[in-house]
Structures are given as C-alpha cells and as structure tokens.
Amino acid sequence: MKLVEQLRDRFGVEFVLRVLGVSSSTYRGWVARQADPSRREREDEAITAEITDIHTASGGTYGSPRVHQVLRRRGVRVSRKRIERLMRQAGLQGAFLRNNGGCRRPGGIRGPRRRPIG
C-alpha cells in the first residue's frame, strides 16, 4: 500500500491498484486504518517505545524474558509472546552466548580411542 502512495501522483490510484491486483476497497480500508489506528495498534506503539528504551538501556543485551520482567516491575501487564512479536517487528534481539567451538577434552575433538583387540 505504501507503493500506491508513492506512485499515486504519477499514475493515479486506480491504475496502480489495477496493476497490483488490489481492490479499491482494500486500499480505502488501509487509508482509513492509517488515519485512525486501532486501540491495539496504539498500545503496540507505546509498548514498543518502552521495549526500545529498556533494550537500549541494557546495551542491547536484554531479550524478551528480561524485557518482560522489567515491564512487569513497571506495572505494565503484557504477555511475553507479545513482547517477542514487537521486538521482532522492531528488529531488536538480545545478546546470546555463542559456542566458540571449544572442547573440554584435552587434545581437541577426537573420537574414542581404539583399543587393541585381543
């Protein structure tokens, strides 16, 4: 729909919609939702702002469980899965430990030693 907004002055809305195969009622519904977003969309924007603040304050290390914990302490009641979705949409990801390929066995990664038969 953003493409239609960009091309509307150049080609006209009806032509762009016809080329894209989008009905005009779908476009008009999208325009109406942009003008007056739903309560959930407004809440999502506010929660995303708080999530972004928490994430940047943690130095980008907090993932959804810790962000959820901080929001609960602040008195914001929201599910962890909603936080996960909003973080994904905002492009936020917590830090995670990586396995550097280290091995606990001395001598590197080897299979079991062969024992002589007999």
C-alpha atoms as a PDB file:
ATOM      1  CA  MET A   1       0.000   0.000   0.000  1.00  0.00           C
ATOM      2  CA  LYS A   2       2.952   2.298   0.549  1.00  0.00           C
ATOM      3  CA  LEU A   3       3.886   1.746  -3.071  1.00  0.00           C
ATOM      4  CA  VAL A   4       0.455   3.016  -4.100  1.00  0.00           C
ATOM      5  CA  GLU A   5       1.036   6.141  -2.008  1.00  0.00           C
ATOM      6  CA  GLN A   6       4.375   6.721  -3.720  1.00  0.00           C
ATOM      7  CA  LEU A   7       3.033   6.223  -7.252  1.00  0.00           C
ATOM      8  CA  ARG A   8      -0.399   7.849  -6.917  1.00  0.00           C
ATOM      9  CA  ASP A   9       0.710  11.296  -8.130  1.00  0.00           C
ATOM     10  CA  ARG A  10       2.486   9.834 -11.134  1.00  0.00           C
ATOM     11  CA  PHE A  11      -0.009   7.259 -12.389  1.00  0.00           C
ATOM     12  CA  GLY A  12      -3.200   7.653 -10.371  1.00  0.00           C
ATOM     13  CA  VAL A  13      -4.526   5.382  -7.654  1.00  0.00           C
ATOM     14  CA  GLU A  14      -6.916   3.314  -9.761  1.00  0.00           C
ATOM     15  CA  PHE A  15      -4.270   2.423 -12.348  1.00  0.00           C
ATOM     16  CA  VAL A  16      -1.708   1.361  -9.723  1.00  0.00           C
ATOM     17  CA  LEU A  17      -4.310  -0.725  -7.885  1.00  0.00           C
ATOM     18  CA  ARG A  18      -5.345  -2.446 -11.122  1.00  0.00           C
ATOM     19  CA  VAL A  19      -1.705  -3.276 -11.994  1.00  0.00           C
ATOM     20  CA  LEU A  20      -1.035  -4.631  -8.500  1.00  0.00           C
ATOM     21  CA  GLY A  21      -4.297  -6.579  -8.424  1.00  0.00           C
ATOM     22  CA  VAL A  22      -5.554  -4.872  -5.275  1.00  0.00           C
ATOM     23  CA  SER A  23      -9.201  -3.921  -4.883  1.00  0.00           C
ATOM     24  CA  SER A  24     -10.031  -0.292  -4.220  1.00  0.00           C
ATOM     25  CA  SER A  25     -11.960  -1.202  -1.040  1.00  0.00           C
ATOM     26  CA  THR A  26      -8.801  -2.786   0.388  1.00  0.00           C
ATOM     27  CA  TYR A  27      -6.860   0.381  -0.338  1.00  0.00           C
ATOM     28  CA  ARG A  28      -9.539   2.625   1.180  1.00  0.00           C
ATOM     29  CA  GLY A  29      -9.629   0.431   4.294  1.00  0.00           C
ATOM     30  CA  TRP A  30      -5.859   0.740   4.627  1.00  0.00           C
ATOM     31  CA  VAL A  31      -6.055   4.535   4.302  1.00  0.00           C
ATOM     32  CA  ALA A  32      -8.774   4.667   6.974  1.00  0.00           C
ATOM     33  CA  ARG A  33      -6.702   2.498   9.349  1.00  0.00           C
ATOM     34  CA  GLN A  34      -3.686   4.752   8.836  1.00  0.00           C
ATOM     35  CA  ALA A  35      -5.748   7.810   9.731  1.00  0.00           C
ATOM     36  CA  ASP A  36      -7.310   6.227  12.825  1.00  0.00           C
ATOM     37  CA  PRO A  37      -5.321   3.225  14.131  1.00  0.00           C
ATOM     38  CA  SER A  38      -6.990   0.723  16.442  1.00  0.00           C
ATOM     39  CA  ARG A  39      -6.519   0.711  20.194  1.00  0.00           C
ATOM     40  CA  ARG A  40      -4.239  -2.340  19.965  1.00  0.00           C
ATOM     41  CA  GLU A  41      -2.013  -0.664  17.358  1.00  0.00           C
ATOM     42  CA  ARG A  42      -1.705   2.434  19.562  1.00  0.00           C
ATOM     43  CA  GLU A  43      -0.851   0.235  22.576  1.00  0.00           C
ATOM     44  CA  ASP A  44       1.699  -1.673  20.489  1.00  0.00           C
ATOM     45  CA  GLU A  45       3.405   1.602  19.557  1.00  0.00           C
ATOM     46  CA  ALA A  46       3.587   2.684  23.204  1.00  0.00           C
ATOM     47  CA  ILE A  47       4.867  -0.719  24.366  1.00  0.00           C
ATOM     48  CA  THR A  48       7.408  -0.808  21.528  1.00  0.00           C
ATOM     49  CA  ALA A  49       8.745   2.555  22.687  1.00  0.00           C
ATOM     50  CA  GLU A  50       9.186   1.196  26.221  1.00  0.00           C
ATOM     51  CA  ILE A  51      10.777  -2.016  24.914  1.00  0.00           C
ATOM     52  CA  THR A  52      13.227   0.030  22.843  1.00  0.00           C
ATOM     53  CA  ASP A  53      14.135   2.130  25.896  1.00  0.00           C
ATOM     54  CA  ILE A  54      14.725  -0.972  28.023  1.00  0.00           C
ATOM     55  CA  HIS A  55      16.708  -2.668  25.275  1.00  0.00           C
ATOM     56  CA  THR A  56      18.995   0.316  24.672  1.00  0.00           C
ATOM     57  CA  ALA A  57      19.446   0.910  28.417  1.00  0.00           C
ATOM     58  CA  SER A  58      20.670  -2.678  28.743  1.00  0.00           C
ATOM     59  CA  GLY A  59      23.212  -2.122  25.994  1.00  0.00           C
ATOM     60  CA  GLY A  60      21.273  -4.364  23.637  1.00  0.00           C
ATOM     61  CA  THR A  61      21.685  -7.409  25.853  1.00  0.00           C
ATOM     62  CA  TYR A  62      18.152  -7.932  27.176  1.00  0.00           C
ATOM     63  CA  GLY A  63      15.959 -10.365  25.299  1.00  0.00           C
ATOM     64  CA  SER A  64      12.229 -10.882  25.647  1.00  0.00           C
ATOM     65  CA  PRO A  65      12.290 -12.652  29.057  1.00  0.00           C
ATOM     66  CA  ARG A  66      14.222  -9.855  30.750  1.00  0.00           C
ATOM     67  CA  VAL A  67      12.296  -7.111  28.972  1.00  0.00           C
ATOM     68  CA  HIS A  68       9.091  -8.827  30.112  1.00  0.00           C
ATOM     69  CA  GLN A  69      10.397  -8.893  33.667  1.00  0.00           C
ATOM     70  CA  VAL A  70      11.285  -5.189  33.625  1.00  0.00           C
ATOM     71  CA  LEU A  71       7.893  -4.251  32.186  1.00  0.00           C
ATOM     72  CA  ARG A  72       6.123  -6.267  34.892  1.00  0.00           C
ATOM     73  CA  ARG A  73       8.133  -4.410  37.530  1.00  0.00           C
ATOM     74  CA  ARG A  74       6.983  -1.152  35.955  1.00  0.00           C
ATOM     75  CA  GLY A  75       3.389  -2.337  36.211  1.00  0.00           C
ATOM     76  CA  VAL A  76       2.808  -2.963  32.512  1.00  0.00           C
ATOM     77  CA  ARG A  77       0.792  -6.153  32.028  1.00  0.00           C
ATOM     78  CA  VAL A  78       1.675  -7.683  28.698  1.00  0.00           C
ATOM     79  CA  SER A  79       2.424 -11.227  27.579  1.00  0.00           C
ATOM     80  CA  ARG A  80       5.920 -12.429  26.786  1.00  0.00           C
ATOM     81  CA  LYS A  81       4.852 -13.548  23.313  1.00  0.00           C
ATOM     82  CA  ARG A  82       3.551 -10.074  22.518  1.00  0.00           C
ATOM     83  CA  ILE A  83       6.914  -8.672  23.596  1.00  0.00           C
ATOM     84  CA  GLU A  84       8.648 -11.212  21.349  1.00  0.00           C
ATOM     85  CA  ARG A  85       6.485 -10.150  18.395  1.00  0.00           C
ATOM     86  CA  LEU A  86       7.067  -6.447  18.995  1.00  0.00           C
ATOM     87  CA  MET A  87      10.814  -6.955  19.405  1.00  0.00           C
ATOM     88  CA  ARG A  88      10.906  -8.926  16.148  1.00  0.00           C
ATOM     89  CA  GLN A  89       8.984  -6.179  14.333  1.00  0.00           C
ATOM     90  CA  ALA A  90      11.317  -3.526  15.751  1.00  0.00           C
ATOM     91  CA  GLY A  91      14.402  -5.553  14.798  1.00  0.00           C
ATOM     92  CA  LEU A  92      15.563  -5.944  18.405  1.00  0.00           C
ATOM     93  CA  GLN A  93      17.355  -9.041  19.625  1.00  0.00           C
ATOM     94  CA  GLY A  94      19.008  -9.799  22.905  1.00  0.00           C
ATOM     95  CA  ALA A  95      22.586 -10.951  23.258  1.00  0.00           C
ATOM     96  CA  PHE A  96      23.147 -14.665  23.450  1.00  0.00           C
ATOM     97  CA  LEU A  97      26.101 -16.834  24.344  1.00  0.00           C
ATOM     98  CA  ARG A  98      27.830 -18.399  21.413  1.00  0.00           C
ATOM     99  CA  ASN A  99      29.567 -21.704  21.301  1.00  0.00           C
ATOM    100  CA  ASN A 100      33.045 -20.903  20.014  1.00  0.00           C
ATOM    101  CA  GLY A 101      33.727 -24.499  19.131  1.00  0.00           C
ATOM    102  CA  GLY A 102      35.642 -25.041  22.333  1.00  0.00           C
ATOM    103  CA  CYS A 103      36.222 -28.556  23.507  1.00  0.00           C
ATOM    104  CA  ARG A 104      36.527 -29.768  27.045  1.00  0.00           C
ATOM    105  CA  ARG A 105      38.629 -32.755  26.109  1.00  0.00           C
ATOM    106  CA  PRO A 106      42.360 -32.181  26.004  1.00  0.00           C
ATOM    107  CA  GLY A 107      43.803 -32.747  22.576  1.00  0.00           C
ATOM    108  CA  GLY A 108      40.859 -31.369  20.628  1.00  0.00           C
ATOM    109  CA  ILE A 109      37.893 -33.095  19.124  1.00  0.00           C
ATOM    110  CA  ARG A 110      38.570 -36.776  18.550  1.00  0.00           C
ATOM    111  CA  GLY A 111      36.527 -39.890  18.650  1.00  0.00           C
ATOM    112  CA  PRO A 112      37.067 -42.573  21.289  1.00  0.00           C
ATOM    113  CA  ARG A 113      40.499 -44.158  21.243  1.00  0.00           C
ATOM    114  CA  ARG A 114      40.813 -47.531  19.680  1.00  0.00           C
ATOM    115  CA  ARG A 115      41.741 -50.316  21.965  1.00  0.00           C
ATOM    116  CA  PRO A 116      43.742 -53.240  20.725  1.00  0.00           C
ATOM    117  CA  ILE A 117      41.664 -56.301  20.040  1.00  0.00           C
ATOM    118  CA  GLY A 118      42.750 -59.455  21.750  1.00  0.00           C
END
